[in-house]
Amino acid sequence: MPSKGDKNCRLSSTLVRAALAEFIGTYILVVIGNGSVAQSQLTNGKQGDYFTINWGWALGCSLGILISAEASGGHLNPAVTLALAVAKDFPWKRLPVYWLAQYFGALVASGSVLGVYYEAILLGKRDGKFRINANSSEPEPGSAAIFANYPTPYSSVVTGLVEETLCTMIFMLIICVVTNAKYSKVPSFLQPLYIGFTLLAMGVAYGSNGGYALNPARDLAPRLVTYFGGWGPRVFSFRGYNWFWIFLVGPHVGALLGVGIFHAVFFLPEQRVVAFDRTDSQLPIVNYEYAMANVPDNKSNAFKITKQESHEEYVGCRVVTAM
C-alpha cells in the first residue's frame, strides 16, 4: 500500500507537470499569435494581414491546447482557470500555480517575439525612441501593438470593455460546451480545433476597435515586456491609464458570465444511481435513457434502469441529484 509520502510526491509531480504544460501551451499560443502580428505589421501587410493575424491566434490556441490538454486541461488563460474554479470544475488550490505558469509562458513568448523581430522593430524608432503611435493622427497603432492591445482613436473605454467581455463570454461558453462530454460529446482530439475556430470567429467578427485579448495573460505579460523593452511607461499610462485594465477586467467578467450561462441553461445536473442498501459507491449517470446501473445488492447482481414513456422506472435503486 503506498505511503502518504508517496501520494504527496505523486500529487506534487502531477502539479508540476500540469504547470509545465500550461507554461508551454501558453507560450505556443502567444509566440504564434504575436508572431503573426509582428510579421504583418513589420512588412506593412506584404506578408500578412488582419485575417492572417486571426488565423495565427486561432492556430496558436489550437496547438497550445493540443499539446497541454492531456497534462493540464489546456486552460492557457487565467480567466478560464478562474471561471472553472468558481464553477467548482477546477480545484482552487491549483489556481495560483496555473496563473503563474500562464503569465510566465506569455512573458517568455513575448520576449521571444521581441528578440526575433527586434531588428525590424528598430527600424520603426523615431527620434531614438519607440512609439506607441507613429503620430497622433494615425489610426493604426505602432510597434507596441504587436504585443498588446491599443484602441483606434474613435473607440471609447465602454466600447472596449463591452467588446472584450462579450467576446470572452462567448468564448468561455463554447469551451464549456465543447469540453463537457456529458453535453456535446465532442471527441477530445477535435476539441482544440473547435476552441481555436471560436477564437478565429471572435477575431473575424470583432477586434477592430482595439484588439481582442480574451485572455489577461496574453495582454498583460506582453505589455510588461514592452514596458521594459524600450517603450516605457506609456504602455500603461496610454489614455491616462484608462485602457490597459480593460484586458484584465473584461476577460474575467466575460469568462464568469460564460460559465454561468452554461451551468444555468445548458448543463444537465449530474444524476447518480444509489443502491437502497448503499452496498456500493454512487455511479454517475447523466443521460440514462439507455443506461444500465450495475449496483449489487442482496437480491440480485444488477439493477436495470429503463425509461418508459413519460416516467422512469428504477428497479431497486433511487436517483439523487448532486448538489
C-alpha atoms as a PDB file:
ATOM      1  CA  MET A   1       0.000   0.000   0.000  1.00  0.00           C
ATOM      2  CA  PRO A   2       1.504   3.365  -0.998  1.00  0.00           C
ATOM      3  CA  SER A   3       2.510   5.619   1.855  1.00  0.00           C
ATOM      4  CA  LYS A   4       1.214   9.138   2.421  1.00  0.00           C
ATOM      5  CA  GLY A   5       4.609  10.447   1.335  1.00  0.00           C
ATOM      6  CA  ASP A   6       4.360   8.578  -1.972  1.00  0.00           C
ATOM      7  CA  LYS A   7       0.909  10.050  -2.615  1.00  0.00           C
ATOM      8  CA  ASN A   8       2.129  13.579  -1.865  1.00  0.00           C
ATOM      9  CA  CYS A   9       5.104  13.039  -4.156  1.00  0.00           C
ATOM     10  CA  ARG A  10       2.860  11.876  -6.992  1.00  0.00           C
ATOM     11  CA  LEU A  11       0.500  14.811  -6.421  1.00  0.00           C
ATOM     12  CA  SER A  12       3.414  17.236  -6.486  1.00  0.00           C
ATOM     13  CA  SER A  13       4.848  15.745  -9.676  1.00  0.00           C
ATOM     14  CA  THR A  14       1.407  15.847 -11.308  1.00  0.00           C
ATOM     15  CA  LEU A  15       1.007  19.525 -10.454  1.00  0.00           C
ATOM     16  CA  VAL A  16       4.493  20.333 -11.734  1.00  0.00           C
ATOM     17  CA  ARG A  17       3.706  18.502 -14.955  1.00  0.00           C
ATOM     18  CA  ALA A  18       0.445  20.439 -15.297  1.00  0.00           C
ATOM     19  CA  ALA A  19       2.212  23.744 -14.630  1.00  0.00           C
ATOM     20  CA  LEU A  20       4.854  22.998 -17.260  1.00  0.00           C
ATOM     21  CA  ALA A  21       2.120  22.062 -19.719  1.00  0.00           C
ATOM     22  CA  GLU A  22       0.313  25.359 -19.053  1.00  0.00           C
ATOM     23  CA  PHE A  23       3.581  27.248 -19.477  1.00  0.00           C
ATOM     24  CA  ILE A  24       4.406  25.555 -22.787  1.00  0.00           C
ATOM     25  CA  GLY A  25       0.839  25.752 -24.095  1.00  0.00           C
ATOM     26  CA  THR A  26       0.548  29.458 -23.283  1.00  0.00           C
ATOM     27  CA  TYR A  27       3.981  30.034 -24.793  1.00  0.00           C
ATOM     28  CA  ILE A  28       2.856  28.447 -28.055  1.00  0.00           C
ATOM     29  CA  LEU A  29      -0.366  30.483 -28.064  1.00  0.00           C
ATOM     30  CA  VAL A  30       1.397  33.821 -27.623  1.00  0.00           C
ATOM     31  CA  VAL A  31       4.555  33.175 -29.631  1.00  0.00           C
ATOM     32  CA  ILE A  32       2.488  32.218 -32.692  1.00  0.00           C
ATOM     33  CA  GLY A  33      -0.186  34.868 -32.138  1.00  0.00           C
ATOM     34  CA  ASN A  34       2.148  37.791 -31.523  1.00  0.00           C
ATOM     35  CA  GLY A  35       4.477  36.477 -34.209  1.00  0.00           C
ATOM     36  CA  SER A  36       1.690  36.679 -36.766  1.00  0.00           C
ATOM     37  CA  VAL A  37       1.011  40.287 -35.730  1.00  0.00           C
ATOM     38  CA  ALA A  38       4.702  41.162 -35.985  1.00  0.00           C
ATOM     39  CA  GLN A  39       5.087  39.663 -39.450  1.00  0.00           C
ATOM     40  CA  SER A  40       2.051  41.508 -40.758  1.00  0.00           C
ATOM     41  CA  GLN A  41       2.857  44.879 -39.240  1.00  0.00           C
ATOM     42  CA  LEU A  42       6.599  44.929 -39.840  1.00  0.00           C
ATOM     43  CA  THR A  43       6.194  44.068 -43.533  1.00  0.00           C
ATOM     44  CA  ASN A  44       3.414  46.645 -43.978  1.00  0.00           C
ATOM     45  CA  GLY A  45       0.953  43.905 -44.849  1.00  0.00           C
ATOM     46  CA  LYS A  46       3.094  42.301 -47.551  1.00  0.00           C
ATOM     47  CA  GLN A  47       3.472  39.067 -45.601  1.00  0.00           C
ATOM     48  CA  GLY A  48       0.267  39.085 -43.621  1.00  0.00           C
ATOM     49  CA  ASP A  49      -2.919  40.989 -42.945  1.00  0.00           C
ATOM     50  CA  TYR A  50      -5.700  41.117 -40.350  1.00  0.00           C
ATOM     51  CA  PHE A  51      -7.078  37.773 -41.489  1.00  0.00           C
ATOM     52  CA  THR A  52      -3.703  36.006 -41.184  1.00  0.00           C
ATOM     53  CA  ILE A  53      -3.378  37.501 -37.706  1.00  0.00           C
ATOM     54  CA  ASN A  54      -6.723  35.931 -36.780  1.00  0.00           C
ATOM     55  CA  TRP A  55      -5.528  32.613 -38.136  1.00  0.00           C
ATOM     56  CA  GLY A  56      -2.259  32.958 -36.234  1.00  0.00           C
ATOM     57  CA  TRP A  57      -4.061  33.342 -32.933  1.00  0.00           C
ATOM     58  CA  ALA A  58      -6.528  30.564 -33.758  1.00  0.00           C
ATOM     59  CA  LEU A  59      -3.791  28.105 -34.712  1.00  0.00           C
ATOM     60  CA  GLY A  60      -1.682  29.110 -31.731  1.00  0.00           C
ATOM     61  CA  CYS A  61      -4.675  28.472 -29.492  1.00  0.00           C
ATOM     62  CA  SER A  62      -5.434  25.072 -31.032  1.00  0.00           C
ATOM     63  CA  LEU A  63      -1.820  23.899 -30.954  1.00  0.00           C
ATOM     64  CA  GLY A  64      -1.283  25.164 -27.419  1.00  0.00           C
ATOM     65  CA  ILE A  65      -4.342  23.287 -26.183  1.00  0.00           C
ATOM     66  CA  LEU A  66      -3.400  20.194 -28.177  1.00  0.00           C
ATOM     67  CA  ILE A  67      -0.005  19.930 -26.531  1.00  0.00           C
ATOM     68  CA  SER A  68      -1.154  20.722 -22.984  1.00  0.00           C
ATOM     69  CA  ALA A  69      -4.675  19.307 -22.666  1.00  0.00           C
ATOM     70  CA  GLU A  70      -3.680  15.826 -21.543  1.00  0.00           C
ATOM     71  CA  ALA A  71      -1.415  17.075 -18.754  1.00  0.00           C
ATOM     72  CA  SER A  72      -3.215  20.188 -17.522  1.00  0.00           C
ATOM     73  CA  GLY A  73      -6.553  20.560 -19.290  1.00  0.00           C
ATOM     74  CA  GLY A  74      -5.151  23.177 -21.655  1.00  0.00           C
ATOM     75  CA  HIS A  75      -6.522  26.322 -20.000  1.00  0.00           C
ATOM     76  CA  LEU A  76      -3.771  28.710 -21.224  1.00  0.00           C
ATOM     77  CA  ASN A  77      -5.856  31.548 -19.823  1.00  0.00           C
ATOM     78  CA  PRO A  78      -6.175  32.865 -16.238  1.00  0.00           C
ATOM     79  CA  ALA A  79      -9.788  33.896 -16.868  1.00  0.00           C
ATOM     80  CA  VAL A  80     -10.707  30.359 -17.943  1.00  0.00           C
ATOM     81  CA  THR A  81      -8.986  28.878 -14.897  1.00  0.00           C
ATOM     82  CA  LEU A  82     -10.784  31.262 -12.533  1.00  0.00           C
ATOM     83  CA  ALA A  83     -14.180  30.631 -14.138  1.00  0.00           C
ATOM     84  CA  LEU A  84     -13.742  26.857 -13.869  1.00  0.00           C
ATOM     85  CA  ALA A  85     -12.716  27.195 -10.225  1.00  0.00           C
ATOM     86  CA  VAL A  86     -15.773  29.330  -9.432  1.00  0.00           C
ATOM     87  CA  ALA A  87     -17.953  26.712 -11.160  1.00  0.00           C
ATOM     88  CA  LYS A  88     -16.310  24.018  -8.997  1.00  0.00           C
ATOM     89  CA  ASP A  89     -14.915  22.318 -12.082  1.00  0.00           C
ATOM     90  CA  PHE A  90     -11.320  23.026 -11.030  1.00  0.00           C
ATOM     91  CA  PRO A  91      -9.623  22.937  -7.595  1.00  0.00           C
ATOM     92  CA  TRP A  92      -8.888  26.358  -6.109  1.00  0.00           C
ATOM     93  CA  LYS A  93      -5.583  25.187  -4.645  1.00  0.00           C
ATOM     94  CA  ARG A  94      -4.192  24.721  -8.155  1.00  0.00           C
ATOM     95  CA  LEU A  95      -5.250  28.141  -9.416  1.00  0.00           C
ATOM     96  CA  PRO A  96      -2.166  30.133  -8.260  1.00  0.00           C
ATOM     97  CA  VAL A  97       0.176  27.606  -9.889  1.00  0.00           C
ATOM     98  CA  TYR A  98      -1.761  27.704 -13.167  1.00  0.00           C
ATOM     99  CA  TRP A  99      -1.844  31.502 -13.167  1.00  0.00           C
ATOM    100  CA  LEU A 100       1.897  31.713 -12.570  1.00  0.00           C
ATOM    101  CA  ALA A 101       2.591  29.266 -15.401  1.00  0.00           C
ATOM    102  CA  GLN A 102       0.252  31.066 -17.805  1.00  0.00           C
ATOM    103  CA  TYR A 103       1.596  34.563 -17.163  1.00  0.00           C
ATOM    104  CA  PHE A 104       5.191  33.363 -17.266  1.00  0.00           C
ATOM    105  CA  GLY A 105       4.572  31.474 -20.510  1.00  0.00           C
ATOM    106  CA  ALA A 106       3.107  34.587 -22.124  1.00  0.00           C
ATOM    107  CA  LEU A 107       6.015  36.674 -20.799  1.00  0.00           C
ATOM    108  CA  VAL A 108       8.679  34.385 -22.243  1.00  0.00           C
ATOM    109  CA  ALA A 109       6.786  34.107 -25.536  1.00  0.00           C
ATOM    110  CA  SER A 110       6.585  37.889 -25.886  1.00  0.00           C
ATOM    111  CA  GLY A 111      10.287  38.162 -25.152  1.00  0.00           C
ATOM    112  CA  SER A 112      10.937  35.590 -27.873  1.00  0.00           C
ATOM    113  CA  VAL A 113       8.933  37.574 -30.426  1.00  0.00           C
ATOM    114  CA  LEU A 114      10.732  40.777 -29.434  1.00  0.00           C
ATOM    115  CA  GLY A 115      14.090  39.063 -29.825  1.00  0.00           C
ATOM    116  CA  VAL A 116      13.306  37.550 -33.218  1.00  0.00           C
ATOM    117  CA  TYR A 117      11.861  40.772 -34.661  1.00  0.00           C
ATOM    118  CA  TYR A 118      13.990  43.286 -32.756  1.00  0.00           C
ATOM    119  CA  GLU A 119      15.997  44.393 -35.791  1.00  0.00           C
ATOM    120  CA  ALA A 120      12.848  45.043 -37.796  1.00  0.00           C
ATOM    121  CA  ILE A 121      11.257  46.857 -34.850  1.00  0.00           C
ATOM    122  CA  LEU A 122      14.340  49.080 -34.510  1.00  0.00           C
ATOM    123  CA  LEU A 123      13.658  50.443 -37.985  1.00  0.00           C
ATOM    124  CA  GLY A 124      10.418  51.876 -36.623  1.00  0.00           C
ATOM    125  CA  LYS A 125      12.086  54.003 -33.950  1.00  0.00           C
ATOM    126  CA  ARG A 126      11.541  57.751 -34.287  1.00  0.00           C
ATOM    127  CA  ASP A 127      13.837  60.295 -32.671  1.00  0.00           C
ATOM    128  CA  GLY A 128      15.655  57.418 -30.997  1.00  0.00           C
ATOM    129  CA  LYS A 129      12.531  56.278 -29.158  1.00  0.00           C
ATOM    130  CA  PHE A 130       9.905  53.638 -29.621  1.00  0.00           C
ATOM    131  CA  ARG A 131       6.416  54.978 -30.190  1.00  0.00           C
ATOM    132  CA  ILE A 132       3.027  53.539 -29.404  1.00  0.00           C
ATOM    133  CA  ASN A 133       1.755  55.527 -32.380  1.00  0.00           C
ATOM    134  CA  ALA A 134       3.827  56.948 -35.196  1.00  0.00           C
ATOM    135  CA  ASN A 135       1.937  60.172 -34.657  1.00  0.00           C
ATOM    136  CA  SER A 136      -1.327  61.132 -33.016  1.00  0.00           C
ATOM    137  CA  SER A 137      -3.216  61.463 -36.303  1.00  0.00           C
ATOM    138  CA  GLU A 138      -2.631  57.899 -37.484  1.00  0.00           C
ATOM    139  CA  PRO A 139      -5.433  55.466 -36.599  1.00  0.00           C
ATOM    140  CA  GLU A 140      -3.168  52.413 -36.676  1.00  0.00           C
ATOM    141  CA  PRO A 141      -1.032  51.790 -33.572  1.00  0.00           C
ATOM    142  CA  GLY A 142       2.694  51.402 -33.881  1.00  0.00           C
ATOM    143  CA  SER A 143       5.005  48.560 -32.939  1.00  0.00           C
ATOM    144  CA  ALA A 144       3.744  48.349 -29.337  1.00  0.00           C
ATOM    145  CA  ALA A 145       0.532  46.870 -30.747  1.00  0.00           C
ATOM    146  CA  ILE A 146       2.495  43.831 -31.897  1.00  0.00           C
ATOM    147  CA  PHE A 147       2.416  42.737 -28.284  1.00  0.00           C
ATOM    148  CA  ALA A 148      -0.625  44.255 -26.554  1.00  0.00           C
ATOM    149  CA  ASN A 149      -3.952  45.809 -27.470  1.00  0.00           C
ATOM    150  CA  TYR A 150      -4.461  49.513 -28.169  1.00  0.00           C
ATOM    151  CA  PRO A 151      -7.595  51.318 -29.371  1.00  0.00           C
ATOM    152  CA  THR A 152      -8.375  53.116 -32.555  1.00  0.00           C
ATOM    153  CA  PRO A 153      -8.961  56.861 -31.982  1.00  0.00           C
ATOM    154  CA  TYR A 154     -12.745  56.521 -32.103  1.00  0.00           C
ATOM    155  CA  SER A 155     -13.005  53.632 -29.606  1.00  0.00           C
ATOM    156  CA  SER A 156     -14.268  54.506 -26.135  1.00  0.00           C
ATOM    157  CA  VAL A 157     -13.490  52.692 -22.911  1.00  0.00           C
ATOM    158  CA  VAL A 158     -17.082  51.473 -22.687  1.00  0.00           C
ATOM    159  CA  THR A 159     -16.899  50.020 -26.200  1.00  0.00           C
ATOM    160  CA  GLY A 160     -13.626  48.282 -25.428  1.00  0.00           C
ATOM    161  CA  LEU A 161     -14.888  46.799 -22.171  1.00  0.00           C
ATOM    162  CA  VAL A 162     -18.203  45.609 -23.617  1.00  0.00           C
ATOM    163  CA  GLU A 163     -16.476  44.081 -26.637  1.00  0.00           C
ATOM    164  CA  GLU A 164     -13.886  42.255 -24.540  1.00  0.00           C
ATOM    165  CA  THR A 165     -16.489  40.985 -22.082  1.00  0.00           C
ATOM    166  CA  LEU A 166     -18.860  39.837 -24.822  1.00  0.00           C
ATOM    167  CA  CYS A 167     -16.180  38.016 -26.797  1.00  0.00           C
ATOM    168  CA  THR A 168     -14.809  36.251 -23.726  1.00  0.00           C
ATOM    169  CA  MET A 169     -18.308  35.256 -22.620  1.00  0.00           C
ATOM    170  CA  ILE A 170     -18.976  33.568 -25.971  1.00  0.00           C
ATOM    171  CA  PHE A 171     -15.510  32.023 -25.972  1.00  0.00           C
ATOM    172  CA  MET A 172     -15.965  30.568 -22.481  1.00  0.00           C
ATOM    173  CA  LEU A 173     -19.450  29.285 -23.264  1.00  0.00           C
ATOM    174  CA  ILE A 174     -18.154  27.387 -26.299  1.00  0.00           C
ATOM    175  CA  ILE A 175     -15.268  25.995 -24.256  1.00  0.00           C
ATOM    176  CA  CYS A 176     -17.741  24.635 -21.692  1.00  0.00           C
ATOM    177  CA  VAL A 177     -19.944  23.109 -24.381  1.00  0.00           C
ATOM    178  CA  VAL A 178     -17.068  21.556 -26.326  1.00  0.00           C
ATOM    179  CA  THR A 179     -15.188  20.089 -23.372  1.00  0.00           C
ATOM    180  CA  ASN A 180     -18.181  18.724 -21.453  1.00  0.00           C
ATOM    181  CA  ALA A 181     -18.519  15.140 -22.639  1.00  0.00           C
ATOM    182  CA  LYS A 182     -21.888  14.787 -20.915  1.00  0.00           C
ATOM    183  CA  TYR A 183     -23.339  17.574 -23.040  1.00  0.00           C
ATOM    184  CA  SER A 184     -21.760  17.743 -26.500  1.00  0.00           C
ATOM    185  CA  LYS A 185     -19.746  14.512 -26.777  1.00  0.00           C
ATOM    186  CA  VAL A 186     -17.124  16.230 -28.964  1.00  0.00           C
ATOM    187  CA  PRO A 187     -14.145  13.849 -29.315  1.00  0.00           C
ATOM    188  CA  SER A 188     -11.149  15.044 -27.323  1.00  0.00           C
ATOM    189  CA  PHE A 189      -8.913  15.223 -30.391  1.00  0.00           C
ATOM    190  CA  LEU A 190     -11.319  17.700 -32.034  1.00  0.00           C
ATOM    191  CA  GLN A 191     -11.767  19.965 -29.028  1.00  0.00           C
ATOM    192  CA  PRO A 192      -8.654  22.104 -29.715  1.00  0.00           C
ATOM    193  CA  LEU A 193      -9.927  22.773 -33.251  1.00  0.00           C
ATOM    194  CA  TYR A 194     -13.373  23.850 -32.063  1.00  0.00           C
ATOM    195  CA  ILE A 195     -11.875  26.196 -29.484  1.00  0.00           C
ATOM    196  CA  GLY A 196      -9.376  27.592 -31.973  1.00  0.00           C
ATOM    197  CA  PHE A 197     -12.121  28.212 -34.520  1.00  0.00           C
ATOM    198  CA  THR A 198     -14.121  30.023 -31.832  1.00  0.00           C
ATOM    199  CA  LEU A 199     -11.185  32.364 -31.267  1.00  0.00           C
ATOM    200  CA  LEU A 200     -10.956  32.830 -35.036  1.00  0.00           C
ATOM    201  CA  ALA A 201     -14.654  33.714 -35.154  1.00  0.00           C
ATOM    202  CA  MET A 202     -14.202  36.344 -32.439  1.00  0.00           C
ATOM    203  CA  GLY A 203     -11.355  37.905 -34.390  1.00  0.00           C
ATOM    204  CA  VAL A 204     -13.293  37.914 -37.646  1.00  0.00           C
ATOM    205  CA  ALA A 205     -16.333  39.497 -36.001  1.00  0.00           C
ATOM    206  CA  TYR A 206     -14.650  41.852 -33.524  1.00  0.00           C
ATOM    207  CA  GLY A 207     -11.260  43.281 -32.696  1.00  0.00           C
ATOM    208  CA  SER A 208     -11.118  46.318 -34.980  1.00  0.00           C
ATOM    209  CA  ASN A 209     -11.998  48.680 -32.122  1.00  0.00           C
ATOM    210  CA  GLY A 210      -8.987  47.827 -30.034  1.00  0.00           C
ATOM    211  CA  GLY A 211      -7.986  44.214 -30.348  1.00  0.00           C
ATOM    212  CA  TYR A 212      -9.395  41.085 -28.754  1.00  0.00           C
ATOM    213  CA  ALA A 213      -7.361  39.519 -25.976  1.00  0.00           C
ATOM    214  CA  LEU A 214      -9.956  37.306 -24.250  1.00  0.00           C
ATOM    215  CA  ASN A 215      -7.023  36.424 -22.022  1.00  0.00           C
ATOM    216  CA  PRO A 216      -5.383  38.595 -19.331  1.00  0.00           C
ATOM    217  CA  ALA A 217      -2.023  36.825 -19.669  1.00  0.00           C
ATOM    218  CA  ARG A 218      -1.982  37.405 -23.414  1.00  0.00           C
ATOM    219  CA  ASP A 219      -2.143  41.204 -22.869  1.00  0.00           C
ATOM    220  CA  LEU A 220      -0.540  41.999 -19.512  1.00  0.00           C
ATOM    221  CA  ALA A 221       2.598  39.880 -19.936  1.00  0.00           C
ATOM    222  CA  PRO A 222       3.429  41.273 -23.415  1.00  0.00           C
ATOM    223  CA  ARG A 223       2.680  44.775 -22.126  1.00  0.00           C
ATOM    224  CA  LEU A 224       5.264  44.257 -19.384  1.00  0.00           C
ATOM    225  CA  VAL A 225       7.777  43.128 -21.999  1.00  0.00           C
ATOM    226  CA  THR A 226       7.263  46.339 -23.952  1.00  0.00           C
ATOM    227  CA  TYR A 227       7.477  48.380 -20.738  1.00  0.00           C
ATOM    228  CA  PHE A 228      10.955  47.027 -20.022  1.00  0.00           C
ATOM    229  CA  GLY A 229      11.879  46.544 -23.688  1.00  0.00           C
ATOM    230  CA  GLY A 230      12.056  50.189 -24.726  1.00  0.00           C
ATOM    231  CA  TRP A 231       8.518  51.543 -24.984  1.00  0.00           C
ATOM    232  CA  GLY A 232       8.426  52.704 -21.378  1.00  0.00           C
ATOM    233  CA  PRO A 233       5.562  53.582 -19.015  1.00  0.00           C
ATOM    234  CA  ARG A 234       3.292  54.873 -21.758  1.00  0.00           C
ATOM    235  CA  VAL A 235       2.174  51.316 -22.493  1.00  0.00           C
ATOM    236  CA  PHE A 236       0.218  51.606 -19.221  1.00  0.00           C
ATOM    237  CA  SER A 237      -0.359  55.366 -18.996  1.00  0.00           C
ATOM    238  CA  PHE A 238      -1.821  55.488 -22.523  1.00  0.00           C
ATOM    239  CA  ARG A 239      -5.140  57.378 -22.344  1.00  0.00           C
ATOM    240  CA  GLY A 240      -4.484  58.302 -18.746  1.00  0.00           C
ATOM    241  CA  TYR A 241      -4.215  54.695 -17.527  1.00  0.00           C
ATOM    242  CA  ASN A 242      -7.736  54.185 -18.802  1.00  0.00           C
ATOM    243  CA  TRP A 243      -7.257  51.406 -21.340  1.00  0.00           C
ATOM    244  CA  PHE A 244      -4.894  48.607 -20.292  1.00  0.00           C
ATOM    245  CA  TRP A 245      -7.166  47.482 -17.420  1.00  0.00           C
ATOM    246  CA  ILE A 246      -9.919  46.538 -19.889  1.00  0.00           C
ATOM    247  CA  PHE A 247      -7.986  43.398 -20.828  1.00  0.00           C
ATOM    248  CA  LEU A 248      -7.688  42.401 -17.183  1.00  0.00           C
ATOM    249  CA  VAL A 249     -11.288  43.005 -16.145  1.00  0.00           C
ATOM    250  CA  GLY A 250     -13.152  42.140 -19.359  1.00  0.00           C
ATOM    251  CA  PRO A 251     -11.879  38.560 -19.775  1.00  0.00           C
ATOM    252  CA  HIS A 252     -12.533  37.644 -16.137  1.00  0.00           C
ATOM    253  CA  VAL A 253     -16.064  39.056 -16.179  1.00  0.00           C
ATOM    254  CA  GLY A 254     -16.805  37.501 -19.570  1.00  0.00           C
ATOM    255  CA  ALA A 255     -15.491  34.071 -18.574  1.00  0.00           C
ATOM    256  CA  LEU A 256     -17.599  34.082 -15.402  1.00  0.00           C
ATOM    257  CA  LEU A 257     -20.670  35.013 -17.427  1.00  0.00           C
ATOM    258  CA  GLY A 258     -19.934  32.293 -19.980  1.00  0.00           C
ATOM    259  CA  VAL A 259     -19.529  29.501 -17.450  1.00  0.00           C
ATOM    260  CA  GLY A 260     -22.564  30.801 -15.559  1.00  0.00           C
ATOM    261  CA  ILE A 261     -24.754  30.674 -18.665  1.00  0.00           C
ATOM    262  CA  PHE A 262     -23.582  27.149 -19.426  1.00  0.00           C
ATOM    263  CA  HIS A 263     -24.375  25.836 -15.958  1.00  0.00           C
ATOM    264  CA  ALA A 264     -27.678  27.700 -15.739  1.00  0.00           C
ATOM    265  CA  VAL A 265     -29.063  26.917 -19.192  1.00  0.00           C
ATOM    266  CA  PHE A 266     -27.283  24.033 -20.889  1.00  0.00           C
ATOM    267  CA  PHE A 267     -25.671  21.793 -18.305  1.00  0.00           C
ATOM    268  CA  LEU A 268     -27.716  18.811 -17.115  1.00  0.00           C
ATOM    269  CA  PRO A 269     -27.381  18.295 -13.347  1.00  0.00           C
ATOM    270  CA  GLU A 270     -25.446  15.165 -12.574  1.00  0.00           C
ATOM    271  CA  GLN A 271     -27.682  12.242 -11.710  1.00  0.00           C
ATOM    272  CA  ARG A 272     -26.475   9.440  -9.504  1.00  0.00           C
ATOM    273  CA  VAL A 273     -27.843   5.947  -9.015  1.00  0.00           C
ATOM    274  CA  VAL A 274     -27.526   4.641  -5.477  1.00  0.00           C
ATOM    275  CA  ALA A 275     -28.375   1.210  -4.116  1.00  0.00           C
ATOM    276  CA  PHE A 276     -31.042   1.167  -1.422  1.00  0.00           C
ATOM    277  CA  ASP A 277     -28.778  -0.714   0.946  1.00  0.00           C
ATOM    278  CA  ARG A 278     -25.790   1.505  -0.039  1.00  0.00           C
ATOM    279  CA  THR A 279     -23.593  -1.543  -0.549  1.00  0.00           C
ATOM    280  CA  ASP A 280     -21.779   0.107  -3.414  1.00  0.00           C
ATOM    281  CA  SER A 281     -20.488   3.568  -4.288  1.00  0.00           C
ATOM    282  CA  GLN A 282     -22.549   6.030  -6.304  1.00  0.00           C
ATOM    283  CA  LEU A 283     -22.465   5.560 -10.051  1.00  0.00           C
ATOM    284  CA  PRO A 284     -22.542   8.819 -12.063  1.00  0.00           C
ATOM    285  CA  ILE A 285     -25.345   8.812 -14.630  1.00  0.00           C
ATOM    286  CA  VAL A 286     -26.302  11.846 -16.682  1.00  0.00           C
ATOM    287  CA  ASN A 287     -28.124  10.650 -19.760  1.00  0.00           C
ATOM    288  CA  TYR A 288     -29.648   7.427 -18.501  1.00  0.00           C
ATOM    289  CA  GLU A 289     -32.075   6.812 -21.346  1.00  0.00           C
ATOM    290  CA  TYR A 290     -30.135   3.673 -22.255  1.00  0.00           C
ATOM    291  CA  ALA A 291     -28.174   3.355 -19.028  1.00  0.00           C
ATOM    292  CA  MET A 292     -27.559   0.191 -17.061  1.00  0.00           C
ATOM    293  CA  ALA A 293     -26.515   0.582 -13.452  1.00  0.00           C
ATOM    294  CA  ASN A 294     -24.558  -2.332 -12.068  1.00  0.00           C
ATOM    295  CA  VAL A 295     -25.281  -1.802  -8.388  1.00  0.00           C
ATOM    296  CA  PRO A 296     -25.181  -5.068  -6.448  1.00  0.00           C
ATOM    297  CA  ASP A 297     -27.478  -5.739  -3.501  1.00  0.00           C
ATOM    298  CA  ASN A 298     -28.688  -8.714  -1.534  1.00  0.00           C
ATOM    299  CA  LYS A 299     -31.358  -9.679  -4.078  1.00  0.00           C
ATOM    300  CA  SER A 300     -29.709  -9.599  -7.488  1.00  0.00           C
ATOM    301  CA  ASN A 301     -26.432  -8.990  -9.218  1.00  0.00           C
ATOM    302  CA  ALA A 302     -27.511  -5.823 -11.037  1.00  0.00           C
ATOM    303  CA  PHE A 303     -30.236  -3.250 -11.181  1.00  0.00           C
ATOM    304  CA  LYS A 304     -31.714  -2.318 -14.504  1.00  0.00           C
ATOM    305  CA  ILE A 305     -32.757   1.250 -15.239  1.00  0.00           C
ATOM    306  CA  THR A 306     -35.258   1.804 -18.005  1.00  0.00           C
ATOM    307  CA  LYS A 307     -37.173   4.787 -19.323  1.00  0.00           C
ATOM    308  CA  GLN A 308     -40.823   4.185 -20.180  1.00  0.00           C
ATOM    309  CA  GLU A 309     -42.782   6.871 -21.963  1.00  0.00           C
ATOM    310  CA  SER A 310     -43.278   9.811 -19.589  1.00  0.00           C
ATOM    311  CA  HIS A 311     -41.682   8.326 -16.492  1.00  0.00           C
ATOM    312  CA  GLU A 312     -38.600   6.438 -15.411  1.00  0.00           C
ATOM    313  CA  GLU A 313     -38.715   3.059 -13.726  1.00  0.00           C
ATOM    314  CA  TYR A 314     -35.881   2.412 -11.317  1.00  0.00           C
ATOM    315  CA  VAL A 315     -35.655  -1.155 -10.083  1.00  0.00           C
ATOM    316  CA  GLY A 316     -34.145  -1.476  -6.630  1.00  0.00           C
ATOM    317  CA  CYS A 317     -32.431   1.901  -6.567  1.00  0.00           C
ATOM    318  CA  ARG A 318     -33.086   5.602  -6.332  1.00  0.00           C
ATOM    319  CA  VAL A 319     -31.797   8.651  -8.205  1.00  0.00           C
ATOM    320  CA  VAL A 320     -30.431  11.709  -6.479  1.00  0.00           C
ATOM    321  CA  THR A 321     -29.192  14.971  -7.956  1.00  0.00           C
ATOM    322  CA  ALA A 322     -25.727  16.019  -6.893  1.00  0.00           C
ATOM    323  CA  MET A 323     -25.539  19.348  -5.082  1.00  0.00           C
END
